[in-house]
């Protein structure tokens, strides 16, 4: 999924974000700490972005601001996915979700990974 915010008088000026999903099978791992409660597959969500740095802000300020918004969105997505998986587990097997964000800002880059 691709999200773009073009123009505007705000800190997300010309934001372009790409969200990808990656399914991970935990069957081959010796350490089952990443398995969901059913020992099934998990999904990692990766969000990458590019955004203009507004006048009066540093690259670091902009990166921290956007990373915070993305982290909150990914936490919400993870919570909703886990609730859906738990509610559907009573009628069929399901998989849990994990979230990860990876981001970069124009003139600077960073990597942020959070697993839920």
PDB file of N, CA and C in Angstrom:
ATOM      1  N   UNK A   1       0.853  -1.155   0.000  1.00  0.00           N
ATOM      2  CA  UNK A   1       0.000   0.000   0.000  1.00  0.00           C
ATOM      3  C   UNK A   1       0.909   1.231   0.000  1.00  0.00           C
ATOM      4  N   UNK A   2       0.519   2.221  -0.758  1.00  0.00           N
ATOM      5  CA  UNK A   2       1.287   3.459  -0.859  1.00  0.00           C
ATOM      6  C   UNK A   2       0.412   4.624  -0.425  1.00  0.00           C
ATOM      7  N   UNK A   3       0.952   5.491   0.428  1.00  0.00           N
ATOM      8  CA  UNK A   3       0.234   6.675   0.913  1.00  0.00           C
ATOM      9  C   UNK A   3       1.063   7.897   0.547  1.00  0.00           C
ATOM     10  N   UNK A   4       0.422   8.919   0.000  1.00  0.00           N
ATOM     11  CA  UNK A   4       1.108  10.171  -0.332  1.00  0.00           C
ATOM     12  C   UNK A   4       0.331  11.337   0.241  1.00  0.00           C
ATOM     13  N   UNK A   5       1.040  12.289   0.830  1.00  0.00           N
ATOM     14  CA  UNK A   5       0.465  13.558   1.279  1.00  0.00           C
ATOM     15  C   UNK A   5       1.233  14.636   0.545  1.00  0.00           C
ATOM     16  N   UNK A   6       0.567  15.291  -0.390  1.00  0.00           N
ATOM     17  CA  UNK A   6       1.232  16.286  -1.230  1.00  0.00           C
ATOM     18  C   UNK A   6       0.897  17.682  -0.757  1.00  0.00           C
ATOM     19  N   UNK A   7       1.912  18.534  -0.685  1.00  0.00           N
ATOM     20  CA  UNK A   7       1.704  19.935  -0.331  1.00  0.00           C
ATOM     21  C   UNK A   7       1.171  20.105   1.078  1.00  0.00           C
ATOM     22  N   UNK A   8       0.727  21.301   1.351  1.00  0.00           N
ATOM     23  CA  UNK A   8       0.142  21.592   2.655  1.00  0.00           C
ATOM     24  C   UNK A   8       1.077  22.353   3.557  1.00  0.00           C
ATOM     25  N   UNK A   9       0.497  22.969   4.567  1.00  0.00           N
ATOM     26  CA  UNK A   9       1.254  23.743   5.547  1.00  0.00           C
ATOM     27  C   UNK A   9       1.288  22.956   6.854  1.00  0.00           C
ATOM     28  N   UNK A  10       2.057  21.862   6.866  1.00  0.00           N
ATOM     29  CA  UNK A  10       2.166  20.995   8.035  1.00  0.00           C
ATOM     30  C   UNK A  10       3.508  20.277   7.969  1.00  0.00           C
ATOM     31  N   UNK A  11       3.800  19.461   8.980  1.00  0.00           N
ATOM     32  CA  UNK A  11       5.098  18.801   9.065  1.00  0.00           C
ATOM     33  C   UNK A  11       5.197  17.543   8.205  1.00  0.00           C
ATOM     34  N   UNK A  12       4.112  17.142   7.546  1.00  0.00           N
ATOM     35  CA  UNK A  12       4.142  15.953   6.694  1.00  0.00           C
ATOM     36  C   UNK A  12       4.123  16.335   5.221  1.00  0.00           C
ATOM     37  N   UNK A  13       4.716  17.465   4.903  1.00  0.00           N
ATOM     38  CA  UNK A  13       4.714  17.986   3.547  1.00  0.00           C
ATOM     39  C   UNK A  13       5.411  17.015   2.594  1.00  0.00           C
ATOM     40  N   UNK A  14       4.706  16.634   1.525  1.00  0.00           N
ATOM     41  CA  UNK A  14       5.222  15.739   0.489  1.00  0.00           C
ATOM     42  C   UNK A  14       5.692  14.391   1.044  1.00  0.00           C
ATOM     43  N   UNK A  15       4.930  13.856   1.970  1.00  0.00           N
ATOM     44  CA  UNK A  15       5.209  12.527   2.533  1.00  0.00           C
ATOM     45  C   UNK A  15       4.812  11.460   1.519  1.00  0.00           C
ATOM     46  N   UNK A  16       5.680  10.493   1.320  1.00  0.00           N
ATOM     47  CA  UNK A  16       5.345   9.308   0.532  1.00  0.00           C
ATOM     48  C   UNK A  16       5.737   8.108   1.377  1.00  0.00           C
ATOM     49  N   UNK A  17       4.761   7.255   1.653  1.00  0.00           N
ATOM     50  CA  UNK A  17       4.955   6.111   2.521  1.00  0.00           C
ATOM     51  C   UNK A  17       4.542   4.837   1.798  1.00  0.00           C
ATOM     52  N   UNK A  18       5.330   3.782   1.956  1.00  0.00           N
ATOM     53  CA  UNK A  18       5.018   2.484   1.371  1.00  0.00           C
ATOM     54  C   UNK A  18       4.950   1.469   2.502  1.00  0.00           C
ATOM     55  N   UNK A  19       3.840   0.724   2.541  1.00  0.00           N
ATOM     56  CA  UNK A  19       3.623  -0.282   3.574  1.00  0.00           C
ATOM     57  C   UNK A  19       3.606  -1.647   2.904  1.00  0.00           C
ATOM     58  N   UNK A  20       4.431  -2.570   3.411  1.00  0.00           N
ATOM     59  CA  UNK A  20       4.465  -3.926   2.868  1.00  0.00           C
ATOM     60  C   UNK A  20       4.254  -4.934   3.990  1.00  0.00           C
ATOM     61  N   UNK A  21       3.687  -6.083   3.638  1.00  0.00           N
ATOM     62  CA  UNK A  21       3.456  -7.174   4.587  1.00  0.00           C
ATOM     63  C   UNK A  21       4.333  -8.350   4.200  1.00  0.00           C
ATOM     64  N   UNK A  22       4.931  -8.988   5.200  1.00  0.00           N
ATOM     65  CA  UNK A  22       5.811 -10.128   4.969  1.00  0.00           C
ATOM     66  C   UNK A  22       5.420 -11.247   5.920  1.00  0.00           C
ATOM     67  N   UNK A  23       4.979 -12.367   5.365  1.00  0.00           N
ATOM     68  CA  UNK A  23       4.590 -13.504   6.187  1.00  0.00           C
ATOM     69  C   UNK A  23       5.826 -14.298   6.588  1.00  0.00           C
ATOM     70  N   UNK A  24       5.888 -14.685   7.842  1.00  0.00           N
ATOM     71  CA  UNK A  24       7.028 -15.432   8.369  1.00  0.00           C
ATOM     72  C   UNK A  24       6.517 -16.732   8.956  1.00  0.00           C
ATOM     73  N   UNK A  25       7.105 -17.838   8.527  1.00  0.00           N
ATOM     74  CA  UNK A  25       6.761 -19.135   9.089  1.00  0.00           C
ATOM     75  C   UNK A  25       7.709 -19.409  10.237  1.00  0.00           C
ATOM     76  N   UNK A  26       7.176 -19.754  11.377  1.00  0.00           N
ATOM     77  CA  UNK A  26       7.994 -20.017  12.561  1.00  0.00           C
ATOM     78  C   UNK A  26       8.289 -21.494  12.739  1.00  0.00           C
ATOM     79  N   UNK A  27       7.909 -22.342  11.768  1.00  0.00           N
ATOM     80  CA  UNK A  27       8.092 -23.787  11.882  1.00  0.00           C
ATOM     81  C   UNK A  27       9.551 -24.201  11.974  1.00  0.00           C
ATOM     82  N   UNK A  28      10.458 -23.464  11.315  1.00  0.00           N
ATOM     83  CA  UNK A  28      11.863 -23.846  11.228  1.00  0.00           C
ATOM     84  C   UNK A  28      12.730 -23.276  12.357  1.00  0.00           C
ATOM     85  N   UNK A  29      12.164 -22.483  13.244  1.00  0.00           N
ATOM     86  CA  UNK A  29      12.963 -21.843  14.289  1.00  0.00           C
ATOM     87  C   UNK A  29      13.095 -22.754  15.497  1.00  0.00           C
ATOM     88  N   UNK A  30      14.309 -22.781  16.100  1.00  0.00           N
ATOM     89  CA  UNK A  30      14.528 -23.533  17.328  1.00  0.00           C
ATOM     90  C   UNK A  30      13.902 -22.814  18.510  1.00  0.00           C
ATOM     91  N   UNK A  31      14.013 -21.494  18.529  1.00  0.00           N
ATOM     92  CA  UNK A  31      13.461 -20.672  19.598  1.00  0.00           C
ATOM     93  C   UNK A  31      12.036 -20.281  19.221  1.00  0.00           C
ATOM     94  N   UNK A  32      11.060 -20.749  19.983  1.00  0.00           N
ATOM     95  CA  UNK A  32       9.661 -20.493  19.630  1.00  0.00           C
ATOM     96  C   UNK A  32       9.126 -19.207  20.232  1.00  0.00           C
ATOM     97  N   UNK A  33      10.003 -18.312  20.702  1.00  0.00           N
ATOM     98  CA  UNK A  33       9.543 -17.069  21.325  1.00  0.00           C
ATOM     99  C   UNK A  33       8.832 -16.155  20.339  1.00  0.00           C
ATOM    100  N   UNK A  34       9.086 -16.294  19.024  1.00  0.00           N
ATOM    101  CA  UNK A  34       8.411 -15.464  18.029  1.00  0.00           C
ATOM    102  C   UNK A  34       7.123 -16.093  17.519  1.00  0.00           C
ATOM    103  N   UNK A  35       6.836 -17.352  17.913  1.00  0.00           N
ATOM    104  CA  UNK A  35       5.604 -18.000  17.483  1.00  0.00           C
ATOM    105  C   UNK A  35       4.410 -17.321  18.121  1.00  0.00           C
ATOM    106  N   UNK A  36       3.284 -17.342  17.412  1.00  0.00           N
ATOM    107  CA  UNK A  36       2.070 -16.860  18.040  1.00  0.00           C
ATOM    108  C   UNK A  36       1.579 -17.933  19.008  1.00  0.00           C
ATOM    109  N   UNK A  37       0.500 -17.664  19.699  1.00  0.00           N
ATOM    110  CA  UNK A  37       0.020 -18.588  20.727  1.00  0.00           C
ATOM    111  C   UNK A  37      -0.374 -19.939  20.148  1.00  0.00           C
ATOM    112  N   UNK A  38      -0.592 -20.035  18.843  1.00  0.00           N
ATOM    113  CA  UNK A  38      -0.969 -21.290  18.208  1.00  0.00           C
ATOM    114  C   UNK A  38       0.208 -21.941  17.496  1.00  0.00           C
ATOM    115  N   UNK A  39       1.415 -21.316  17.526  1.00  0.00           N
ATOM    116  CA  UNK A  39       2.578 -21.837  16.814  1.00  0.00           C
ATOM    117  C   UNK A  39       2.485 -21.638  15.310  1.00  0.00           C
ATOM    118  N   UNK A  40       1.678 -20.693  14.867  1.00  0.00           N
ATOM    119  CA  UNK A  40       1.447 -20.451  13.450  1.00  0.00           C
ATOM    120  C   UNK A  40       2.374 -19.385  12.896  1.00  0.00           C
ATOM    121  N   UNK A  41       2.091 -18.988  11.673  1.00  0.00           N
ATOM    122  CA  UNK A  41       2.856 -17.949  10.999  1.00  0.00           C
ATOM    123  C   UNK A  41       2.534 -16.579  11.582  1.00  0.00           C
ATOM    124  N   UNK A  42       3.458 -15.661  11.414  1.00  0.00           N
ATOM    125  CA  UNK A  42       3.278 -14.271  11.823  1.00  0.00           C
ATOM    126  C   UNK A  42       3.437 -13.385  10.600  1.00  0.00           C
ATOM    127  N   UNK A  43       3.000 -12.160  10.728  1.00  0.00           N
ATOM    128  CA  UNK A  43       3.159 -11.182   9.658  1.00  0.00           C
ATOM    129  C   UNK A  43       3.939  -9.993  10.184  1.00  0.00           C
ATOM    130  N   UNK A  44       4.958  -9.580   9.440  1.00  0.00           N
ATOM    131  CA  UNK A  44       5.731  -8.393   9.780  1.00  0.00           C
ATOM    132  C   UNK A  44       5.279  -7.285   8.833  1.00  0.00           C
ATOM    133  N   UNK A  45       4.957  -6.130   9.402  1.00  0.00           N
ATOM    134  CA  UNK A  45       4.543  -4.969   8.627  1.00  0.00           C
ATOM    135  C   UNK A  45       5.711  -4.006   8.591  1.00  0.00           C
ATOM    136  N   UNK A  46       6.125  -3.602   7.380  1.00  0.00           N
ATOM    137  CA  UNK A  46       7.244  -2.676   7.213  1.00  0.00           C
ATOM    138  C   UNK A  46       6.707  -1.412   6.544  1.00  0.00           C
ATOM    139  N   UNK A  47       6.983  -0.265   7.145  1.00  0.00           N
ATOM    140  CA  UNK A  47       6.583   1.004   6.546  1.00  0.00           C
ATOM    141  C   UNK A  47       7.835   1.843   6.331  1.00  0.00           C
ATOM    142  N   UNK A  48       8.042   2.257   5.091  1.00  0.00           N
ATOM    143  CA  UNK A  48       9.166   3.114   4.716  1.00  0.00           C
ATOM    144  C   UNK A  48       8.604   4.419   4.192  1.00  0.00           C
ATOM    145  N   UNK A  49       9.311   5.517   4.428  1.00  0.00           N
ATOM    146  CA  UNK A  49       8.796   6.803   3.963  1.00  0.00           C
ATOM    147  C   UNK A  49       9.905   7.760   3.575  1.00  0.00           C
ATOM    148  N   UNK A  50       9.495   8.753   2.799  1.00  0.00           N
ATOM    149  CA  UNK A  50      10.335   9.905   2.447  1.00  0.00           C
ATOM    150  C   UNK A  50       9.462  11.121   2.682  1.00  0.00           C
ATOM    151  N   UNK A  51      10.018  12.167   3.280  1.00  0.00           N
ATOM    152  CA  UNK A  51       9.248  13.381   3.566  1.00  0.00           C
ATOM    153  C   UNK A  51      10.176  14.588   3.457  1.00  0.00           C
ATOM    154  N   UNK A  52       9.615  15.711   3.002  1.00  0.00           N
ATOM    155  CA  UNK A  52      10.390  16.955   2.967  1.00  0.00           C
ATOM    156  C   UNK A  52      10.604  17.455   4.389  1.00  0.00           C
ATOM    157  N   UNK A  53      11.755  18.075   4.608  1.00  0.00           N
ATOM    158  CA  UNK A  53      12.044  18.680   5.913  1.00  0.00           C
ATOM    159  C   UNK A  53      11.535  20.111   5.886  1.00  0.00           C
ATOM    160  N   UNK A  54      10.551  20.446   6.742  1.00  0.00           N
ATOM    161  CA  UNK A  54       9.993  21.802   6.730  1.00  0.00           C
ATOM    162  C   UNK A  54      11.019  22.848   7.173  1.00  0.00           C
ATOM    163  N   UNK A  55      10.862  24.069   6.677  1.00  0.00           N
ATOM    164  CA  UNK A  55      11.713  25.173   7.119  1.00  0.00           C
ATOM    165  C   UNK A  55      11.590  25.315   8.631  1.00  0.00           C
ATOM    166  N   UNK A  56      12.713  25.534   9.286  1.00  0.00           N
ATOM    167  CA  UNK A  56      12.710  25.711  10.736  1.00  0.00           C
ATOM    168  C   UNK A  56      12.835  24.412  11.507  1.00  0.00           C
ATOM    169  N   UNK A  57      12.851  23.270  10.818  1.00  0.00           N
ATOM    170  CA  UNK A  57      13.008  21.977  11.467  1.00  0.00           C
ATOM    171  C   UNK A  57      14.286  21.313  10.988  1.00  0.00           C
ATOM    172  N   UNK A  58      14.839  20.452  11.822  1.00  0.00           N
ATOM    173  CA  UNK A  58      16.011  19.681  11.422  1.00  0.00           C
ATOM    174  C   UNK A  58      15.544  18.340  10.876  1.00  0.00           C
ATOM    175  N   UNK A  59      16.442  17.639  10.203  1.00  0.00           N
ATOM    176  CA  UNK A  59      16.141  16.299   9.704  1.00  0.00           C
ATOM    177  C   UNK A  59      15.785  15.380  10.868  1.00  0.00           C
ATOM    178  N   UNK A  60      16.508  15.512  11.968  1.00  0.00           N
ATOM    179  CA  UNK A  60      16.249  14.677  13.155  1.00  0.00           C
ATOM    180  C   UNK A  60      14.857  14.955  13.729  1.00  0.00           C
ATOM    181  N   UNK A  61      14.464  16.240  13.852  1.00  0.00           N
ATOM    182  CA  UNK A  61      13.122  16.596  14.350  1.00  0.00           C
ATOM    183  C   UNK A  61      12.040  15.968  13.484  1.00  0.00           C
ATOM    184  N   UNK A  62      12.211  16.062  12.181  1.00  0.00           N
ATOM    185  CA  UNK A  62      11.225  15.534  11.243  1.00  0.00           C
ATOM    186  C   UNK A  62      11.148  14.019  11.334  1.00  0.00           C
ATOM    187  N   UNK A  63      12.301  13.357  11.393  1.00  0.00           N
ATOM    188  CA  UNK A  63      12.330  11.894  11.492  1.00  0.00           C
ATOM    189  C   UNK A  63      11.652  11.413  12.765  1.00  0.00           C
ATOM    190  N   UNK A  64      11.951  12.035  13.889  1.00  0.00           N
ATOM    191  CA  UNK A  64      11.343  11.638  15.164  1.00  0.00           C
ATOM    192  C   UNK A  64       9.829  11.839  15.121  1.00  0.00           C
ATOM    193  N   UNK A  65       9.375  12.956  14.553  1.00  0.00           N
ATOM    194  CA  UNK A  65       7.943  13.247  14.453  1.00  0.00           C
ATOM    195  C   UNK A  65       7.230  12.180  13.626  1.00  0.00           C
ATOM    196  N   UNK A  66       7.743  11.887  12.426  1.00  0.00           N
ATOM    197  CA  UNK A  66       7.095  10.913  11.544  1.00  0.00           C
ATOM    198  C   UNK A  66       7.210   9.505  12.122  1.00  0.00           C
ATOM    199  N   UNK A  67       8.360   9.144  12.685  1.00  0.00           N
ATOM    200  CA  UNK A  67       8.521   7.826  13.304  1.00  0.00           C
ATOM    201  C   UNK A  67       7.495   7.608  14.414  1.00  0.00           C
ATOM    202  N   UNK A  68       7.223   8.647  15.193  1.00  0.00           N
ATOM    203  CA  UNK A  68       6.243   8.544  16.281  1.00  0.00           C
ATOM    204  C   UNK A  68       4.850   8.262  15.734  1.00  0.00           C
ATOM    205  N   UNK A  69       4.458   8.963  14.693  1.00  0.00           N
ATOM    206  CA  UNK A  69       3.140   8.741  14.080  1.00  0.00           C
ATOM    207  C   UNK A  69       3.050   7.321  13.521  1.00  0.00           C
ATOM    208  N   UNK A  70       4.078   6.891  12.814  1.00  0.00           N
ATOM    209  CA  UNK A  70       4.080   5.549  12.228  1.00  0.00           C
ATOM    210  C   UNK A  70       4.048   4.488  13.314  1.00  0.00           C
ATOM    211  N   UNK A  71       4.835   4.662  14.369  1.00  0.00           N
ATOM    212  CA  UNK A  71       4.864   3.697  15.465  1.00  0.00           C
ATOM    213  C   UNK A  71       3.475   3.548  16.092  1.00  0.00           C
ATOM    214  N   UNK A  72       2.783   4.657  16.315  1.00  0.00           N
ATOM    215  CA  UNK A  72       1.418   4.602  16.881  1.00  0.00           C
ATOM    216  C   UNK A  72       0.470   3.872  15.933  1.00  0.00           C
ATOM    217  N   UNK A  73       0.552   4.168  14.640  1.00  0.00           N
ATOM    218  CA  UNK A  73      -0.307   3.490  13.662  1.00  0.00           C
ATOM    219  C   UNK A  73      -0.026   1.990  13.609  1.00  0.00           C
ATOM    220  N   UNK A  74       1.247   1.599  13.658  1.00  0.00           N
ATOM    221  CA  UNK A  74       1.588   0.182  13.603  1.00  0.00           C
ATOM    222  C   UNK A  74       1.176  -0.549  14.877  1.00  0.00           C
ATOM    223  N   UNK A  75       1.275   0.115  16.034  1.00  0.00           N
ATOM    224  CA  UNK A  75       0.805  -0.489  17.281  1.00  0.00           C
ATOM    225  C   UNK A  75      -0.701  -0.733  17.213  1.00  0.00           C
ATOM    226  N   UNK A  76      -1.438   0.238  16.699  1.00  0.00           N
ATOM    227  CA  UNK A  76      -2.889   0.076  16.550  1.00  0.00           C
ATOM    228  C   UNK A  76      -3.206  -1.076  15.602  1.00  0.00           C
ATOM    229  N   UNK A  77      -2.508  -1.146  14.478  1.00  0.00           N
ATOM    230  CA  UNK A  77      -2.707  -2.231  13.528  1.00  0.00           C
ATOM    231  C   UNK A  77      -2.430  -3.581  14.185  1.00  0.00           C
ATOM    232  N   UNK A  78      -1.347  -3.677  14.950  1.00  0.00           N
ATOM    233  CA  UNK A  78      -1.013  -4.921  15.649  1.00  0.00           C
ATOM    234  C   UNK A  78      -2.080  -5.321  16.651  1.00  0.00           C
ATOM    235  N   UNK A  79      -2.578  -4.361  17.429  1.00  0.00           N
ATOM    236  CA  UNK A  79      -3.623  -4.650  18.425  1.00  0.00           C
ATOM    237  C   UNK A  79      -4.903  -5.129  17.764  1.00  0.00           C
ATOM    238  N   UNK A  80      -5.309  -4.440  16.715  1.00  0.00           N
ATOM    239  CA  UNK A  80      -6.533  -4.822  16.007  1.00  0.00           C
ATOM    240  C   UNK A  80      -6.370  -6.209  15.382  1.00  0.00           C
ATOM    241  N   UNK A  81      -5.216  -6.478  14.785  1.00  0.00           N
ATOM    242  CA  UNK A  81      -4.966  -7.778  14.155  1.00  0.00           C
ATOM    243  C   UNK A  81      -4.989  -8.904  15.184  1.00  0.00           C
ATOM    244  N   UNK A  82      -4.372  -8.678  16.347  1.00  0.00           N
ATOM    245  CA  UNK A  82      -4.365  -9.691  17.396  1.00  0.00           C
ATOM    246  C   UNK A  82      -5.771  -9.963  17.915  1.00  0.00           C
ATOM    247  N   UNK A  83      -6.569  -8.916  18.085  1.00  0.00           N
ATOM    248  CA  UNK A  83      -7.954  -9.100  18.528  1.00  0.00           C
ATOM    249  C   UNK A  83      -8.751  -9.894  17.508  1.00  0.00           C
ATOM    250  N   UNK A  84      -8.550  -9.572  16.223  1.00  0.00           N
ATOM    251  CA  UNK A  84      -9.256 -10.304  15.170  1.00  0.00           C
ATOM    252  C   UNK A  84      -8.818 -11.766  15.145  1.00  0.00           C
ATOM    253  N   UNK A  85      -7.509 -12.014  15.326  1.00  0.00           N
ATOM    254  CA  UNK A  85      -6.996 -13.382  15.317  1.00  0.00           C
ATOM    255  C   UNK A  85      -7.539 -14.168  16.501  1.00  0.00           C
ATOM    256  N   UNK A  86      -7.598 -13.548  17.660  1.00  0.00           N
ATOM    257  CA  UNK A  86      -8.112 -14.229  18.851  1.00  0.00           C
ATOM    258  C   UNK A  86      -9.602 -14.527  18.720  1.00  0.00           C
ATOM    259  N   UNK A  87     -10.363 -13.581  18.168  1.00  0.00           N
ATOM    260  CA  UNK A  87     -11.801 -13.802  18.034  1.00  0.00           C
ATOM    261  C   UNK A  87     -12.109 -14.857  16.981  1.00  0.00           C
ATOM    262  N   UNK A  88     -11.269 -14.968  15.954  1.00  0.00           N
ATOM    263  CA  UNK A  88     -11.518 -15.979  14.927  1.00  0.00           C
ATOM    264  C   UNK A  88     -10.938 -17.336  15.314  1.00  0.00           C
ATOM    265  N   UNK A  89     -10.072 -17.379  16.342  1.00  0.00           N
ATOM    266  CA  UNK A  89      -9.461 -18.647  16.745  1.00  0.00           C
ATOM    267  C   UNK A  89     -10.471 -19.598  17.361  1.00  0.00           C
ATOM    268  N   UNK A  90     -11.563 -19.070  17.874  1.00  0.00           N
ATOM    269  CA  UNK A  90     -12.568 -19.953  18.455  1.00  0.00           C
ATOM    270  C   UNK A  90     -13.301 -20.743  17.383  1.00  0.00           C
ATOM    271  N   UNK A  91     -13.335 -20.246  16.138  1.00  0.00           N
ATOM    272  CA  UNK A  91     -14.015 -20.960  15.063  1.00  0.00           C
ATOM    273  C   UNK A  91     -13.049 -21.612  14.072  1.00  0.00           C
ATOM    274  N   UNK A  92     -11.802 -21.126  13.991  1.00  0.00           N
ATOM    275  CA  UNK A  92     -10.799 -21.713  13.090  1.00  0.00           C
ATOM    276  C   UNK A  92      -9.418 -21.293  13.531  1.00  0.00           C
ATOM    277  N   UNK A  93      -8.380 -21.913  12.963  1.00  0.00           N
ATOM    278  CA  UNK A  93      -7.020 -21.511  13.314  1.00  0.00           C
ATOM    279  C   UNK A  93      -6.721 -20.167  12.696  1.00  0.00           C
ATOM    280  N   UNK A  94      -5.830 -19.400  13.339  1.00  0.00           N
ATOM    281  CA  UNK A  94      -5.525 -18.057  12.856  1.00  0.00           C
ATOM    282  C   UNK A  94      -4.065 -17.752  13.067  1.00  0.00           C
ATOM    283  N   UNK A  95      -3.636 -16.627  12.531  1.00  0.00           N
ATOM    284  CA  UNK A  95      -2.262 -16.186  12.724  1.00  0.00           C
ATOM    285  C   UNK A  95      -2.257 -14.824  13.376  1.00  0.00           C
ATOM    286  N   UNK A  96      -1.188 -14.555  14.090  1.00  0.00           N
ATOM    287  CA  UNK A  96      -1.027 -13.298  14.810  1.00  0.00           C
ATOM    288  C   UNK A  96      -0.234 -12.328  13.963  1.00  0.00           C
ATOM    289  N   UNK A  97      -0.245 -11.064  14.339  1.00  0.00           N
ATOM    290  CA  UNK A  97       0.490 -10.052  13.584  1.00  0.00           C
ATOM    291  C   UNK A  97       1.571  -9.438  14.433  1.00  0.00           C
ATOM    292  N   UNK A  98       2.652  -9.118  13.780  1.00  0.00           N
ATOM    293  CA  UNK A  98       3.724  -8.340  14.370  1.00  0.00           C
ATOM    294  C   UNK A  98       3.890  -7.115  13.514  1.00  0.00           C
ATOM    295  N   UNK A  99       4.486  -6.090  14.077  1.00  0.00           N
ATOM    296  CA  UNK A  99       4.674  -4.865  13.317  1.00  0.00           C
ATOM    297  C   UNK A  99       6.112  -4.438  13.372  1.00  0.00           C
ATOM    298  N   UNK A 100       6.546  -3.866  12.310  1.00  0.00           N
ATOM    299  CA  UNK A 100       7.883  -3.327  12.222  1.00  0.00           C
ATOM    300  C   UNK A 100       7.814  -2.082  11.376  1.00  0.00           C
ATOM    301  N   UNK A 101       8.606  -1.105  11.755  1.00  0.00           N
ATOM    302  CA  UNK A 101       8.655   0.072  10.898  1.00  0.00           C
ATOM    303  C   UNK A 101      10.092   0.352  10.527  1.00  0.00           C
ATOM    304  N   UNK A 102      10.290   0.736   9.321  1.00  0.00           N
ATOM    305  CA  UNK A 102      11.598   1.127   8.840  1.00  0.00           C
ATOM    306  C   UNK A 102      11.381   2.424   8.087  1.00  0.00           C
ATOM    307  N   UNK A 103      12.167   3.417   8.400  1.00  0.00           N
ATOM    308  CA  UNK A 103      11.868   4.708   7.811  1.00  0.00           C
ATOM    309  C   UNK A 103      13.124   5.481   7.477  1.00  0.00           C
ATOM    310  N   UNK A 104      12.945   6.448   6.595  1.00  0.00           N
ATOM    311  CA  UNK A 104      14.033   7.360   6.289  1.00  0.00           C
ATOM    312  C   UNK A 104      13.458   8.717   5.953  1.00  0.00           C
ATOM    313  N   UNK A 105      14.185   9.741   6.281  1.00  0.00           N
ATOM    314  CA  UNK A 105      13.753  11.108   6.015  1.00  0.00           C
ATOM    315  C   UNK A 105      14.718  11.712   5.009  1.00  0.00           C
ATOM    316  N   UNK A 106      14.234  12.639   4.166  1.00  0.00           N
ATOM    317  CA  UNK A 106      15.135  13.244   3.200  1.00  0.00           C
ATOM    318  C   UNK A 106      16.290  13.905   3.933  1.00  0.00           C
ATOM    319  N   UNK A 107      17.465  13.809   3.399  1.00  0.00           N
ATOM    320  CA  UNK A 107      18.706  14.332   3.963  1.00  0.00           C
ATOM    321  C   UNK A 107      19.204  13.533   5.161  1.00  0.00           C
ATOM    322  N   UNK A 108      18.458  12.548   5.599  1.00  0.00           N
ATOM    323  CA  UNK A 108      18.933  11.674   6.664  1.00  0.00           C
ATOM    324  C   UNK A 108      18.200  10.359   6.543  1.00  0.00           C
ATOM    325  N   UNK A 109      18.766   9.324   7.135  1.00  0.00           N
ATOM    326  CA  UNK A 109      18.074   8.044   7.103  1.00  0.00           C
ATOM    327  C   UNK A 109      18.162   7.395   8.468  1.00  0.00           C
ATOM    328  N   UNK A 110      17.201   6.556   8.739  1.00  0.00           N
ATOM    329  CA  UNK A 110      17.190   5.847  10.005  1.00  0.00           C
ATOM    330  C   UNK A 110      16.468   4.531   9.818  1.00  0.00           C
ATOM    331  N   UNK A 111      16.654   3.665  10.755  1.00  0.00           N
ATOM    332  CA  UNK A 111      15.930   2.407  10.748  1.00  0.00           C
ATOM    333  C   UNK A 111      15.337   2.222  12.125  1.00  0.00           C
ATOM    334  N   UNK A 112      14.076   1.970  12.168  1.00  0.00           N
ATOM    335  CA  UNK A 112      13.345   1.796  13.404  1.00  0.00           C
ATOM    336  C   UNK A 112      12.607   0.490  13.322  1.00  0.00           C
ATOM    337  N   UNK A 113      12.865  -0.445  14.218  1.00  0.00           N
ATOM    338  CA  UNK A 113      12.147  -1.710  14.178  1.00  0.00           C
ATOM    339  C   UNK A 113      11.502  -1.950  15.521  1.00  0.00           C
ATOM    340  N   UNK A 114      10.193  -2.114  15.500  1.00  0.00           N
ATOM    341  CA  UNK A 114       9.424  -2.427  16.697  1.00  0.00           C
ATOM    342  C   UNK A 114       8.571  -3.635  16.396  1.00  0.00           C
ATOM    343  N   UNK A 115       8.672  -4.661  17.227  1.00  0.00           N
ATOM    344  CA  UNK A 115       7.879  -5.858  17.027  1.00  0.00           C
ATOM    345  C   UNK A 115       6.842  -5.936  18.129  1.00  0.00           C
ATOM    346  N   UNK A 116       5.611  -6.223  17.744  1.00  0.00           N
ATOM    347  CA  UNK A 116       4.510  -6.301  18.688  1.00  0.00           C
ATOM    348  C   UNK A 116       3.859  -7.642  18.588  1.00  0.00           C
TER     349      UNK A 116
END
